[in-house]
C-alpha atoms as a PDB file:
ATOM      1  CA  MET A   1      12.851 -16.761 -14.460  1.00  0.00           C
ATOM      2  CA  LYS A   2      12.249 -16.207 -10.869  1.00  0.00           C
ATOM      3  CA  PHE A   3      13.415 -13.238  -8.650  1.00  0.00           C
ATOM      4  CA  GLY A   4      13.708 -10.930 -11.776  1.00  0.00           C
ATOM      5  CA  VAL A   5      16.945 -12.517 -12.752  1.00  0.00           C
ATOM      6  CA  GLU A   6      17.901 -11.472 -16.503  1.00  0.00           C
ATOM      7  CA  LYS A   7      21.647 -12.947 -16.747  1.00  0.00           C
ATOM      8  CA  ILE A   8      24.246 -15.216 -15.080  1.00  0.00           C
ATOM      9  CA  ILE A   9      27.725 -14.216 -15.118  1.00  0.00           C
ATOM     10  CA  SER A  10      30.924 -16.116 -13.972  1.00  0.00           C
ATOM     11  CA  GLY A  11      34.490 -16.211 -14.570  1.00  0.00           C
ATOM     12  CA  HIS A  12      34.225 -19.526 -16.209  1.00  0.00           C
ATOM     13  CA  GLN A  13      36.696 -21.609 -14.121  1.00  0.00           C
ATOM     14  CA  HIS A  14      35.824 -25.570 -14.161  1.00  0.00           C
ATOM     15  CA  GLY A  15      33.736 -26.069 -10.992  1.00  0.00           C
ATOM     16  CA  ALA A  16      31.030 -23.649  -9.677  1.00  0.00           C
ATOM     17  CA  ASP A  17      31.622 -21.006 -12.344  1.00  0.00           C
ATOM     18  CA  CYS A  18      31.066 -23.361 -15.401  1.00  0.00           C
ATOM     19  CA  GLY A  19      28.148 -25.151 -13.538  1.00  0.00           C
ATOM     20  CA  ALA A  20      26.239 -21.724 -13.258  1.00  0.00           C
ATOM     21  CA  ILE A  21      27.163 -20.868 -17.330  1.00  0.00           C
ATOM     22  CA  ASP A  22      26.201 -24.450 -18.168  1.00  0.00           C
ATOM     23  CA  MET A  23      22.702 -24.474 -16.329  1.00  0.00           C
ATOM     24  CA  ALA A  24      22.078 -20.922 -17.983  1.00  0.00           C
ATOM     25  CA  MET A  25      23.297 -22.535 -21.691  1.00  0.00           C
ATOM     26  CA  LYS A  26      20.718 -25.354 -21.082  1.00  0.00           C
ATOM     27  CA  HIS A  27      17.928 -23.153 -20.395  1.00  0.00           C
ATOM     28  CA  HIS A  28      18.672 -20.366 -22.896  1.00  0.00           C
ATOM     29  CA  ILE A  29      19.224 -17.981 -19.971  1.00  0.00           C
ATOM     30  CA  PRO A  30      21.058 -14.934 -20.912  1.00  0.00           C
ATOM     31  CA  HIS A  31      24.938 -15.337 -19.635  1.00  0.00           C
ATOM     32  CA  MET A  32      28.496 -14.059 -20.097  1.00  0.00           C
ATOM     33  CA  GLY A  33      31.274 -13.460 -18.012  1.00  0.00           C
ATOM     34  CA  TYR A  34      34.875 -11.881 -17.900  1.00  0.00           C
ATOM     35  CA  VAL A  35      37.850 -14.385 -18.300  1.00  0.00           C
ATOM     36  CA  PRO A  36      41.604 -13.873 -18.076  1.00  0.00           C
ATOM     37  CA  LYS A  37      43.233 -12.937 -21.267  1.00  0.00           C
ATOM     38  CA  GLY A  38      44.010 -16.180 -23.277  1.00  0.00           C
ATOM     39  CA  ARG A  39      40.894 -17.855 -22.073  1.00  0.00           C
ATOM     40  CA  ARG A  40      42.820 -18.878 -19.160  1.00  0.00           C
ATOM     41  CA  THR A  41      41.613 -21.884 -16.823  1.00  0.00           C
ATOM     42  CA  GLU A  42      43.360 -24.477 -14.482  1.00  0.00           C
ATOM     43  CA  ASP A  43      42.773 -27.070 -17.102  1.00  0.00           C
ATOM     44  CA  GLY A  44      44.224 -24.662 -20.111  1.00  0.00           C
ATOM     45  CA  PRO A  45      42.238 -22.418 -22.452  1.00  0.00           C
ATOM     46  CA  LEU A  46      38.642 -22.135 -21.790  1.00  0.00           C
ATOM     47  CA  ASP A  47      36.387 -24.613 -24.171  1.00  0.00           C
ATOM     48  CA  GLU A  48      35.442 -22.614 -27.148  1.00  0.00           C
ATOM     49  CA  LYS A  49      31.773 -23.614 -26.380  1.00  0.00           C
ATOM     50  CA  TYR A  50      31.769 -20.781 -23.967  1.00  0.00           C
ATOM     51  CA  THR A  51      31.156 -17.938 -26.461  1.00  0.00           C
ATOM     52  CA  HIS A  52      29.767 -15.109 -24.268  1.00  0.00           C
ATOM     53  CA  VAL A  53      33.023 -14.119 -22.552  1.00  0.00           C
ATOM     54  CA  ILE A  54      35.008 -10.932 -22.414  1.00  0.00           C
ATOM     55  CA  GLU A  55      39.023 -11.286 -21.994  1.00  0.00           C
ATOM     56  CA  THR A  56      40.257  -9.096 -19.371  1.00  0.00           C
ATOM     57  CA  LYS A  57      43.735  -7.333 -20.490  1.00  0.00           C
ATOM     58  CA  SER A  58      45.439  -9.469 -17.680  1.00  0.00           C
ATOM     59  CA  ALA A  59      46.007 -13.425 -17.634  1.00  0.00           C
ATOM     60  CA  ALA A  60      45.719 -13.127 -13.855  1.00  0.00           C
ATOM     61  CA  TYR A  61      42.431 -14.138 -12.265  1.00  0.00           C
ATOM     62  CA  PRO A  62      41.883 -11.239  -9.807  1.00  0.00           C
ATOM     63  CA  GLU A  63      41.182  -8.732 -12.610  1.00  0.00           C
ATOM     64  CA  ARG A  64      38.364 -11.121 -14.102  1.00  0.00           C
ATOM     65  CA  THR A  65      36.755 -11.657 -10.674  1.00  0.00           C
ATOM     66  CA  GLU A  66      36.583  -7.717  -9.872  1.00  0.00           C
ATOM     67  CA  MET A  67      34.996  -7.330 -13.294  1.00  0.00           C
ATOM     68  CA  ASN A  68      32.402 -10.075 -12.671  1.00  0.00           C
ATOM     69  CA  VAL A  69      31.899  -8.625  -9.110  1.00  0.00           C
ATOM     70  CA  ARG A  70      31.203  -5.131 -10.492  1.00  0.00           C
ATOM     71  CA  THR A  71      28.906  -6.336 -13.182  1.00  0.00           C
ATOM     72  CA  GLY A  72      26.871  -8.414 -10.910  1.00  0.00           C
ATOM     73  CA  SER A  73      23.978  -7.254  -8.878  1.00  0.00           C
ATOM     74  CA  VAL A  74      24.581 -10.023  -6.377  1.00  0.00           C
ATOM     75  CA  THR A  75      27.149 -12.693  -5.974  1.00  0.00           C
ATOM     76  CA  VAL A  76      26.766 -16.120  -5.038  1.00  0.00           C
ATOM     77  CA  VAL A  77      29.938 -18.011  -3.697  1.00  0.00           C
ATOM     78  CA  PHE A  78      29.663 -21.789  -3.678  1.00  0.00           C
ATOM     79  CA  SER A  79      32.187 -22.775  -1.467  1.00  0.00           C
ATOM     80  CA  LYS A  80      32.673 -24.862   1.972  1.00  0.00           C
ATOM     81  CA  ASN A  81      36.140 -23.372   2.738  1.00  0.00           C
ATOM     82  CA  MET A  82      36.505 -19.948   1.458  1.00  0.00           C
ATOM     83  CA  GLY A  83      39.909 -20.475  -0.671  1.00  0.00           C
ATOM     84  CA  ARG A  84      42.200 -17.542  -2.204  1.00  0.00           C
ATOM     85  CA  GLY A  85      39.699 -16.877  -5.089  1.00  0.00           C
ATOM     86  CA  SER A  86      36.384 -17.260  -3.112  1.00  0.00           C
ATOM     87  CA  ARG A  87      37.554 -15.016  -0.478  1.00  0.00           C
ATOM     88  CA  LEU A  88      38.815 -12.309  -3.097  1.00  0.00           C
ATOM     89  CA  THR A  89      35.429 -12.574  -4.348  1.00  0.00           C
ATOM     90  CA  ALA A  90      33.672 -11.785  -0.961  1.00  0.00           C
ATOM     91  CA  ASP A  91      36.137  -8.951  -0.154  1.00  0.00           C
ATOM     92  CA  LEU A  92      35.407  -7.294  -3.446  1.00  0.00           C
ATOM     93  CA  CYS A  93      31.604  -7.575  -3.013  1.00  0.00           C
ATOM     94  CA  GLU A  94      32.339  -5.942   0.493  1.00  0.00           C
ATOM     95  CA  LYS A  95      34.515  -3.225  -1.105  1.00  0.00           C
ATOM     96  CA  PHE A  96      31.945  -2.338  -4.199  1.00  0.00           C
ATOM     97  CA  HIS A  97      28.965  -2.850  -1.600  1.00  0.00           C
ATOM     98  CA  LYS A  98      27.516  -5.988  -3.472  1.00  0.00           C
ATOM     99  CA  PRO A  99      25.200  -8.298  -1.727  1.00  0.00           C
ATOM    100  CA  TRP A 100      26.600 -11.852  -1.539  1.00  0.00           C
ATOM    101  CA  ILE A 101      26.083 -14.922  -0.116  1.00  0.00           C
ATOM    102  CA  GLN A 102      28.201 -17.928   0.775  1.00  0.00           C
ATOM    103  CA  LEU A 103      26.561 -21.296   0.115  1.00  0.00           C
ATOM    104  CA  GLU A 104      28.523 -24.082   1.892  1.00  0.00           C
ATOM    105  CA  ALA A 105      26.067 -27.084   2.398  1.00  0.00           C
ATOM    106  CA  PHE A 106      27.821 -28.923  -0.758  1.00  0.00           C
ATOM    107  CA  PRO A 107      26.826 -31.754  -1.449  1.00  0.00           C
ATOM    108  CA  ASN A 108      23.259 -31.017   0.007  1.00  0.00           C
ATOM    109  CA  VAL A 109      21.243 -29.266  -2.833  1.00  0.00           C
ATOM    110  CA  GLU A 110      18.306 -28.545  -0.652  1.00  0.00           C
ATOM    111  CA  ALA A 111      19.949 -26.864   1.851  1.00  0.00           C
ATOM    112  CA  ASP A 112      22.037 -24.692  -0.528  1.00  0.00           C
ATOM    113  CA  ALA A 113      18.576 -24.047  -2.440  1.00  0.00           C
ATOM    114  CA  ALA A 114      16.684 -22.906   0.376  1.00  0.00           C
ATOM    115  CA  LYS A 115      19.440 -20.611   1.812  1.00  0.00           C
ATOM    116  CA  LEU A 116      20.029 -19.066  -1.873  1.00  0.00           C
ATOM    117  CA  LYS A 117      16.059 -18.631  -2.237  1.00  0.00           C
ATOM    118  CA  ALA A 118      15.846 -16.880   0.931  1.00  0.00           C
ATOM    119  CA  PHE A 119      18.717 -14.367   0.271  1.00  0.00           C
ATOM    120  CA  LEU A 120      17.063 -13.415  -3.270  1.00  0.00           C
ATOM    121  CA  GLU A 121      13.927 -12.933  -1.630  1.00  0.00           C
ATOM    122  CA  SER A 122      15.540 -10.643   0.998  1.00  0.00           C
ATOM    123  CA  GLN A 123      17.010  -8.090  -1.627  1.00  0.00           C
ATOM    124  CA  SER A 124      15.060  -4.872  -1.660  1.00  0.00           C
ATOM    125  CA  LYS A 125      15.776  -4.468  -5.399  1.00  0.00           C
ATOM    126  CA  ALA A 126      15.451  -7.743  -7.696  1.00  0.00           C
ATOM    127  CA  PRO A 127      18.867  -9.178  -8.400  1.00  0.00           C
ATOM    128  CA  LYS A 128      19.073  -8.536 -12.385  1.00  0.00           C
ATOM    129  CA  ILE A 129      22.437 -10.452 -12.669  1.00  0.00           C
ATOM    130  CA  ILE A 130      23.735 -12.988 -10.608  1.00  0.00           C
ATOM    131  CA  ASN A 131      27.490 -13.459 -10.493  1.00  0.00           C
ATOM    132  CA  VAL A 132      28.635 -17.169  -9.478  1.00  0.00           C
ATOM    133  CA  ALA A 133      31.600 -17.880  -8.045  1.00  0.00           C
ATOM    134  CA  GLY A 134      33.112 -20.697  -5.925  1.00  0.00           C
ATOM    135  CA  SER A 135      35.036 -23.806  -5.741  1.00  0.00           C
ATOM    136  CA  ARG A 136      37.178 -25.419  -8.462  1.00  0.00           C
ATOM    137  CA  GLU A 137      36.137 -28.607  -9.463  1.00  0.00           C
ATOM    138  CA  SER A 138      39.588 -29.989  -8.731  1.00  0.00           C
ATOM    139  CA  LYS A 139      39.122 -28.794  -5.344  1.00  0.00           C
ATOM    140  CA  SER A 140      35.519 -30.095  -4.902  1.00  0.00           C
ATOM    141  CA  PRO A 141      34.473 -32.790  -7.116  1.00  0.00           C
ATOM    142  CA  GLY A 142      30.960 -32.531  -8.014  1.00  0.00           C
ATOM    143  CA  MET A 143      30.629 -28.866  -7.493  1.00  0.00           C
ATOM    144  CA  HIS A 144      30.080 -28.215 -11.208  1.00  0.00           C
ATOM    145  CA  ASP A 145      26.480 -30.665 -11.350  1.00  0.00           C
ATOM    146  CA  HIS A 146      25.842 -29.160  -7.498  1.00  0.00           C
ATOM    147  CA  VAL A 147      25.845 -25.742  -8.960  1.00  0.00           C
ATOM    148  CA  ILE A 148      23.653 -26.741 -11.732  1.00  0.00           C
ATOM    149  CA  LYS A 149      20.824 -28.523  -9.527  1.00  0.00           C
ATOM    150  CA  VAL A 150      20.720 -25.649  -6.951  1.00  0.00           C
ATOM    151  CA  LEU A 151      20.276 -22.956  -9.540  1.00  0.00           C
ATOM    152  CA  GLU A 152      17.460 -25.035 -11.311  1.00  0.00           C
ATOM    153  CA  ALA A 153      15.908 -25.700  -8.030  1.00  0.00           C
ATOM    154  CA  VAL A 154      15.857 -21.782  -7.190  1.00  0.00           C
ATOM    155  CA  MET A 155      15.429 -19.864 -10.379  1.00  0.00           C
ATOM    156  CA  LEU A 156      13.525 -21.811 -12.636  1.00  0.00           C
ATOM    157  CA  ASP A 157       9.384 -21.587 -12.893  1.00  0.00           C
ATOM    158  CA  GLY A 158       8.638 -25.296 -13.636  1.00  0.00           C
ATOM    159  CA  GLN A 159      11.186 -25.903 -16.659  1.00  0.00           C
END
């Protein structure tokens, strides 16, 4: 995979998070992520197909958000409007001195892909673990597929 990426992580919420994990699963890229206790998502428990998850002690979202930010080398936030969860992710990146980028061109795949590629190229150390966060599918219908297309465009070597 390009840019030295070895793993993709996320909080597994439906939308941007699961888009990243589904892309990783499709292309056999190592993946994982912290999820709230009980595998909590806005639609109920996380689908059992997502096996590479670690449940946090709390059912609250902020704990899993912090664990994913701390684990990632960089964070990519797919969000036109920084909602509460995306804002928390960005704030935690600042707190822990983790590079991050907001991709806000949804549904323009080419624009987000170009911005993400430039961001990854700008990192002095190869970002080994990419944390993906962002809008929920319920707030931004189509975000799941958008994330898949952007990540495939940027990270795959002709696959």
